[in-house]
Amino acid sequence: MLILLGALIVIFSVITGYVAHGGQLAILWQPYEFLIISGAAFGGFLIANPGKVIKKVFRVIPLLLKGTVYSKATYMDLLAMLYDLFYKAQREGLLAIEEDVDDPQNSELFQKYPRILAEEEAMTFLTDYLRLMVGGSMNPHELENLMDLELETLHEEEEMPAHAVNMTADALPGFGIIAALLGITIAMGEIDGPVTVIGQLVAAALIGTFTGILAGYSFVGPLGKAMEHRAREKAKLLEIIKVTIMAILNGYKPVLAVEFGRKVMYENERPGFEELENHLKGRG
C-alpha cells in the first residue's frame, strides 16, 4: 500500500508543479521516447540477469504491495513454536520430536502455528537442523558454522532480485539521455524549419531525459530498495531460528532460548519480555 501511495505522491507532485509553472500536459506525452527508454532498460535487464533472477523479480514485485513481510504476530508465533518444540524435547527427549520434524505438515505441534507452517523456507531451515540435532552427529560449533554459511547463501540469493532492479535503476537516466540525443538528432534534421516546430522537437527530446531520471530515482530505484528490505526481513526470521537453536545446544532452557531469539528481532516487531512470557503461557 505504501508503494502505491508513494508512487501517487510522486506523480501528483511532479505534474502539479509542472502545470503550476505554466507547463502544457500535452508535451509530456511522448510515446516513442517512452518506448526507447523502457525497451532499452528491459532489454539490458534481460541481458544482465539469468532467468531465475528475472522470474524472481516478477514474483517479488506483487508481494511488495502487501507491505511488511512478517507481522509481530508472526514473530510471536515463531518464538512460541520454538518454545513448544524444545520444551517437548527437554521433557521427553530429542527423539520425541522426530515425528514432528519428519512430517511437519501433519504434526499437531506445528499445526498450532499455521503462519509459520506456511513459510516453506523457514520450515525447511528449521527441520533440517533439527534432524541434525536428533541425529547427534555434529557438535555445536560445526552446526553454527554450517548455519552461518547457509544463511549467507540464502540472503545472497534473496538479494539478487534487488541488485538486478537497482542496476536497471542506475541505468535508466542513461537510457533517458539516449532517447534525448535521438530526439535532438531529429530536431537537427529540421533546423531549417519553423522555430515552433524545432522547439517542440527539442522539448520532446528533453522529455526523454526527464523520464529516465524520474523513473530511475522515483520508481525503479525505490522498488529495488524495497526488495532489499524484504530480503533482510526474510533473513531475520531464519536468524531467530538459528540463535534459538544455538541457545538450546549451549544448554539454555527453552524459556531462555527463545529470549535469545527475541533479542535479535527488529525493534518494531520485538515483543517485550513480559509480553512474550504471557504469550507463551497463553499457548499452554
Protein backbone atom coordinates (compact mmCIF):
# COMPACT_ATOMS: atom_id res chain seq x y z
CA MET A 1 0.00 0.00 0.00
CA LEU A 2 2.82 2.43 0.86
CA ILE A 3 4.42 1.73 -2.52
CA LEU A 4 1.26 2.77 -4.36
CA LEU A 5 0.85 5.80 -2.10
CA GLY A 6 4.43 6.84 -2.72
CA ALA A 7 4.02 6.49 -6.49
CA LEU A 8 0.86 8.60 -6.44
CA ILE A 9 2.61 11.31 -4.40
CA VAL A 10 5.50 11.41 -6.89
CA ILE A 11 3.18 11.68 -9.90
CA PHE A 12 0.92 14.27 -8.27
CA SER A 13 3.81 16.43 -7.08
CA VAL A 14 5.69 16.42 -10.37
CA ILE A 15 2.66 17.01 -12.58
CA THR A 16 1.13 19.65 -10.30
CA GLY A 17 4.40 21.54 -10.01
CA TYR A 18 4.90 21.40 -13.77
CA VAL A 19 1.40 22.68 -14.55
CA ALA A 20 1.65 25.38 -11.84
CA HIS A 21 4.70 26.75 -13.64
CA GLY A 22 2.69 27.02 -16.85
CA GLY A 23 3.71 23.74 -18.43
CA GLN A 24 1.50 22.07 -21.01
CA LEU A 25 0.50 18.49 -20.24
CA ALA A 26 0.26 17.50 -23.90
CA ILE A 27 4.01 17.85 -24.42
CA LEU A 28 4.67 15.24 -21.72
CA TRP A 29 3.04 12.53 -23.81
CA GLN A 30 5.92 11.20 -25.92
CA PRO A 31 5.19 7.50 -26.52
CA TYR A 32 8.22 6.92 -28.76
CA GLU A 33 10.56 8.33 -26.12
CA PHE A 34 8.94 6.02 -23.59
CA LEU A 35 9.36 3.10 -25.99
CA ILE A 36 13.08 3.78 -26.42
CA ILE A 37 13.70 4.10 -22.68
CA SER A 38 11.57 1.20 -21.48
CA GLY A 39 12.69 -1.10 -24.31
CA ALA A 40 16.38 -0.37 -23.76
CA ALA A 41 16.02 -0.77 -19.99
CA PHE A 42 14.12 -4.05 -20.25
CA GLY A 43 16.50 -5.41 -22.88
CA GLY A 44 19.50 -4.55 -20.71
CA PHE A 45 17.75 -6.16 -17.73
CA LEU A 46 17.30 -9.40 -19.71
CA ILE A 47 20.92 -9.38 -20.89
CA ALA A 48 22.34 -8.79 -17.41
CA ASN A 49 20.37 -11.36 -15.41
CA PRO A 50 19.84 -15.13 -15.56
CA GLY A 51 16.34 -16.49 -15.97
CA LYS A 52 15.95 -17.48 -12.31
CA VAL A 53 16.62 -13.91 -11.18
CA ILE A 54 14.24 -12.45 -13.76
CA LYS A 55 11.48 -14.80 -12.65
CA LYS A 56 12.07 -13.95 -9.01
CA VAL A 57 11.91 -10.21 -9.71
CA PHE A 58 8.45 -10.54 -11.22
CA ARG A 59 7.38 -12.88 -8.42
CA VAL A 60 8.55 -10.50 -5.68
CA ILE A 61 7.10 -7.24 -7.07
CA PRO A 62 3.44 -8.16 -6.34
CA LEU A 63 4.44 -9.26 -2.83
CA LEU A 64 5.87 -5.81 -2.11
CA LEU A 65 2.39 -4.33 -2.37
CA LYS A 66 1.43 -6.25 0.78
CA GLY A 67 3.89 -4.21 2.83
CA THR A 68 5.81 -5.76 5.75
CA VAL A 69 6.76 -9.37 5.15
CA TYR A 70 6.17 -10.55 8.71
CA SER A 71 3.92 -9.05 11.34
CA LYS A 72 4.65 -9.02 15.05
CA ALA A 73 2.16 -11.87 15.42
CA THR A 74 4.26 -14.00 13.05
CA TYR A 75 7.39 -13.48 15.13
CA MET A 76 5.45 -14.21 18.32
CA ASP A 77 4.17 -17.44 16.81
CA LEU A 78 7.68 -18.42 15.76
CA LEU A 79 9.03 -17.95 19.27
CA ALA A 80 6.07 -19.80 20.78
CA MET A 81 6.51 -22.67 18.33
CA LEU A 82 10.22 -22.95 19.12
CA TYR A 83 9.42 -22.91 22.83
CA ASP A 84 6.83 -25.70 22.47
CA LEU A 85 9.21 -27.72 20.32
CA PHE A 86 12.19 -27.52 22.61
CA TYR A 87 10.11 -27.87 25.76
CA LYS A 88 8.80 -31.16 24.39
CA ALA A 89 12.36 -32.21 23.53
CA GLN A 90 13.53 -31.28 27.03
CA ARG A 91 10.68 -33.14 28.70
CA GLU A 92 10.60 -36.28 26.55
CA GLY A 93 13.98 -36.30 24.82
CA LEU A 94 15.06 -35.22 21.33
CA LEU A 95 13.70 -38.40 19.77
CA ALA A 96 10.21 -37.29 20.83
CA ILE A 97 10.22 -34.56 18.19
CA GLU A 98 11.48 -36.81 15.40
CA GLU A 99 7.98 -37.47 14.02
CA ASP A 100 7.14 -33.76 14.13
CA VAL A 101 10.32 -32.93 12.24
CA ASP A 102 9.87 -35.66 9.62
CA ASP A 103 6.28 -34.66 8.79
CA PRO A 104 5.65 -31.08 9.97
CA GLN A 105 2.50 -30.64 7.87
CA ASN A 106 0.77 -33.39 9.86
CA SER A 107 2.35 -32.57 13.22
CA GLU A 108 -0.09 -31.41 15.91
CA LEU A 109 2.64 -29.22 17.36
CA PHE A 110 3.38 -27.40 14.10
CA GLN A 111 -0.27 -27.21 13.07
CA LYS A 112 -0.91 -24.87 16.01
CA TYR A 113 1.18 -22.27 14.13
CA PRO A 114 -0.19 -22.04 10.57
CA ARG A 115 1.61 -18.73 9.90
CA ILE A 116 4.98 -20.40 10.41
CA LEU A 117 3.97 -23.65 8.77
CA ALA A 118 3.18 -21.69 5.60
CA GLU A 119 6.75 -20.32 5.50
CA GLU A 120 8.37 -23.08 3.48
CA GLU A 121 11.91 -21.70 3.58
CA ALA A 122 11.83 -21.18 7.35
CA MET A 123 10.34 -24.62 7.97
CA THR A 124 12.94 -26.29 5.78
CA PHE A 125 15.73 -24.46 7.58
CA LEU A 126 14.35 -25.41 10.99
CA THR A 127 13.61 -29.06 10.28
CA ASP A 128 16.94 -29.67 8.53
CA TYR A 129 18.89 -28.58 11.60
CA LEU A 130 16.54 -30.33 13.99
CA ARG A 131 17.28 -33.57 12.12
CA LEU A 132 20.99 -32.96 12.63
CA MET A 133 20.34 -32.35 16.32
CA VAL A 134 18.28 -35.52 16.65
CA GLY A 135 21.00 -37.47 14.83
CA GLY A 136 23.56 -36.07 17.26
CA SER A 137 26.35 -36.28 14.68
CA MET A 138 27.57 -32.66 14.81
CA ASN A 139 28.97 -30.53 17.61
CA PRO A 140 27.53 -27.04 18.23
CA HIS A 141 30.44 -25.20 16.61
CA GLU A 142 30.19 -27.21 13.40
CA LEU A 143 26.44 -26.69 13.34
CA GLU A 144 26.75 -22.94 13.87
CA ASN A 145 29.32 -22.61 11.08
CA LEU A 146 27.05 -24.52 8.74
CA MET A 147 24.09 -22.33 9.69
CA ASP A 148 26.11 -19.17 9.04
CA LEU A 149 27.15 -20.40 5.61
CA GLU A 150 23.59 -21.33 4.69
CA LEU A 151 22.19 -18.04 5.96
CA GLU A 152 24.77 -16.14 3.94
CA THR A 153 23.88 -18.12 0.81
CA LEU A 154 20.14 -17.73 1.29
CA HIS A 155 20.44 -13.99 1.94
CA GLU A 156 22.66 -13.51 -1.10
CA GLU A 157 20.13 -15.36 -3.25
CA GLU A 158 17.26 -13.35 -1.77
CA GLU A 159 19.02 -10.08 -2.60
CA MET A 160 19.71 -10.96 -6.26
CA PRO A 161 16.38 -9.50 -7.50
CA ALA A 162 17.08 -6.26 -5.62
CA HIS A 163 20.53 -5.96 -7.16
CA ALA A 164 19.06 -6.58 -10.62
CA VAL A 165 16.43 -3.88 -10.17
CA ASN A 166 18.92 -1.42 -8.67
CA MET A 167 21.23 -1.91 -11.62
CA THR A 168 18.38 -1.13 -14.01
CA ALA A 169 17.51 1.97 -11.97
CA ASP A 170 21.09 3.20 -12.22
CA ALA A 171 21.00 2.77 -16.00
CA LEU A 172 17.65 4.50 -16.60
CA PRO A 173 19.00 8.09 -16.61
CA GLY A 174 21.48 6.97 -19.27
CA PHE A 175 18.70 5.48 -21.38
CA GLY A 176 16.85 8.77 -20.98
CA ILE A 177 19.88 10.59 -22.39
CA ILE A 178 19.97 8.17 -25.33
CA ALA A 179 16.32 8.97 -26.09
CA ALA A 180 17.05 12.69 -25.75
CA LEU A 181 20.03 12.50 -28.11
CA LEU A 182 17.94 10.71 -30.71
CA GLY A 183 15.28 13.41 -30.30
CA ILE A 184 17.90 16.17 -30.74
CA THR A 185 19.14 14.40 -33.86
CA ILE A 186 15.62 14.57 -35.28
CA ALA A 187 15.38 18.25 -34.31
CA MET A 188 18.67 18.99 -36.09
CA GLY A 189 17.23 17.46 -39.22
CA GLU A 190 14.54 20.14 -39.13
CA ILE A 191 16.91 23.02 -38.46
CA ASP A 192 15.64 24.92 -41.47
CA GLY A 193 12.03 24.59 -40.35
CA PRO A 194 9.91 26.97 -38.28
CA VAL A 195 11.16 27.83 -34.80
CA THR A 196 7.98 26.47 -33.22
CA VAL A 197 8.50 23.06 -34.83
CA ILE A 198 12.13 22.91 -33.72
CA GLY A 199 11.12 23.98 -30.22
CA GLN A 200 8.55 21.21 -29.99
CA LEU A 201 11.08 18.62 -31.19
CA VAL A 202 13.68 19.77 -28.65
CA ALA A 203 11.07 19.76 -25.89
CA ALA A 204 10.05 16.23 -26.86
CA ALA A 205 13.71 15.15 -26.74
CA LEU A 206 14.17 16.60 -23.26
CA ILE A 207 11.19 14.59 -22.06
CA GLY A 208 13.39 11.53 -22.63
CA THR A 209 15.98 12.75 -20.13
CA PHE A 210 13.23 13.72 -17.70
CA THR A 211 11.54 10.31 -17.99
CA GLY A 212 14.75 8.34 -17.49
CA ILE A 213 15.76 10.30 -14.39
CA LEU A 214 12.27 10.27 -12.89
CA ALA A 215 11.78 6.54 -13.48
CA GLY A 216 15.22 5.67 -12.13
CA TYR A 217 15.18 7.75 -8.96
CA SER A 218 11.47 7.84 -8.08
CA PHE A 219 10.17 4.42 -9.10
CA VAL A 220 12.61 1.67 -10.09
CA GLY A 221 15.35 2.63 -7.59
CA PRO A 222 12.98 2.76 -4.59
CA LEU A 223 11.47 -0.55 -5.76
CA GLY A 224 14.93 -2.12 -5.57
CA LYS A 225 15.41 -0.72 -2.07
CA ALA A 226 12.04 -2.16 -1.04
CA MET A 227 13.25 -5.55 -2.27
CA GLU A 228 16.37 -5.18 -0.13
CA HIS A 229 14.25 -4.51 2.96
CA ARG A 230 12.16 -7.57 2.17
CA ALA A 231 15.27 -9.74 1.84
CA ARG A 232 16.50 -8.54 5.24
CA GLU A 233 13.16 -9.34 6.86
CA LYS A 234 13.18 -12.87 5.45
CA ALA A 235 16.74 -13.36 6.69
CA LYS A 236 15.74 -12.16 10.16
CA LEU A 237 13.20 -14.99 10.56
CA LEU A 238 15.92 -17.56 9.88
CA GLU A 239 18.36 -15.75 12.15
CA ILE A 240 15.89 -16.03 15.05
CA ILE A 241 15.67 -19.77 14.45
CA LYS A 242 19.47 -20.07 14.37
CA VAL A 243 20.02 -18.10 17.58
CA THR A 244 17.35 -20.08 19.44
CA ILE A 245 18.76 -23.43 18.32
CA MET A 246 22.27 -22.39 19.34
CA ALA A 247 21.00 -21.35 22.79
CA ILE A 248 19.46 -24.80 23.23
CA LEU A 249 22.68 -26.51 22.12
CA ASN A 250 24.62 -24.40 24.62
CA GLY A 251 22.49 -25.73 27.45
CA TYR A 252 19.90 -23.00 27.99
CA LYS A 253 16.35 -23.93 28.89
CA PRO A 254 13.64 -23.29 26.26
CA VAL A 255 12.24 -20.26 28.09
CA LEU A 256 15.67 -18.60 27.97
CA ALA A 257 16.49 -19.84 24.47
CA VAL A 258 13.50 -18.03 22.97
CA GLU A 259 14.65 -14.91 24.83
CA PHE A 260 17.84 -15.10 22.74
CA GLY A 261 15.63 -15.21 19.65
CA ARG A 262 13.58 -12.25 20.89
CA LYS A 263 16.69 -10.11 21.36
CA VAL A 264 17.75 -10.31 17.70
CA MET A 265 14.38 -9.11 16.39
CA TYR A 266 13.87 -5.65 14.92
CA GLU A 267 12.52 -3.12 17.40
CA ASN A 268 9.14 -2.57 15.71
CA GLU A 269 8.23 -6.27 15.86
CA ARG A 270 10.07 -7.25 19.04
CA PRO A 271 7.72 -8.07 21.94
CA GLY A 272 8.59 -7.09 25.49
CA PHE A 273 9.88 -9.70 27.92
CA GLU A 274 6.60 -9.90 29.84
CA GLU A 275 4.57 -9.76 26.63
CA LEU A 276 6.38 -12.81 25.28
CA GLU A 277 6.15 -14.60 28.62
CA ASN A 278 2.39 -14.06 28.74
CA HIS A 279 2.09 -15.22 25.14
CA LEU A 280 3.95 -18.42 25.93
CA LYS A 281 1.76 -19.07 28.95
CA GLY A 282 -1.33 -18.43 26.86
CA ARG A 283 -0.30 -21.14 24.41
CA GLY A 284 -0.02 -23.68 27.19
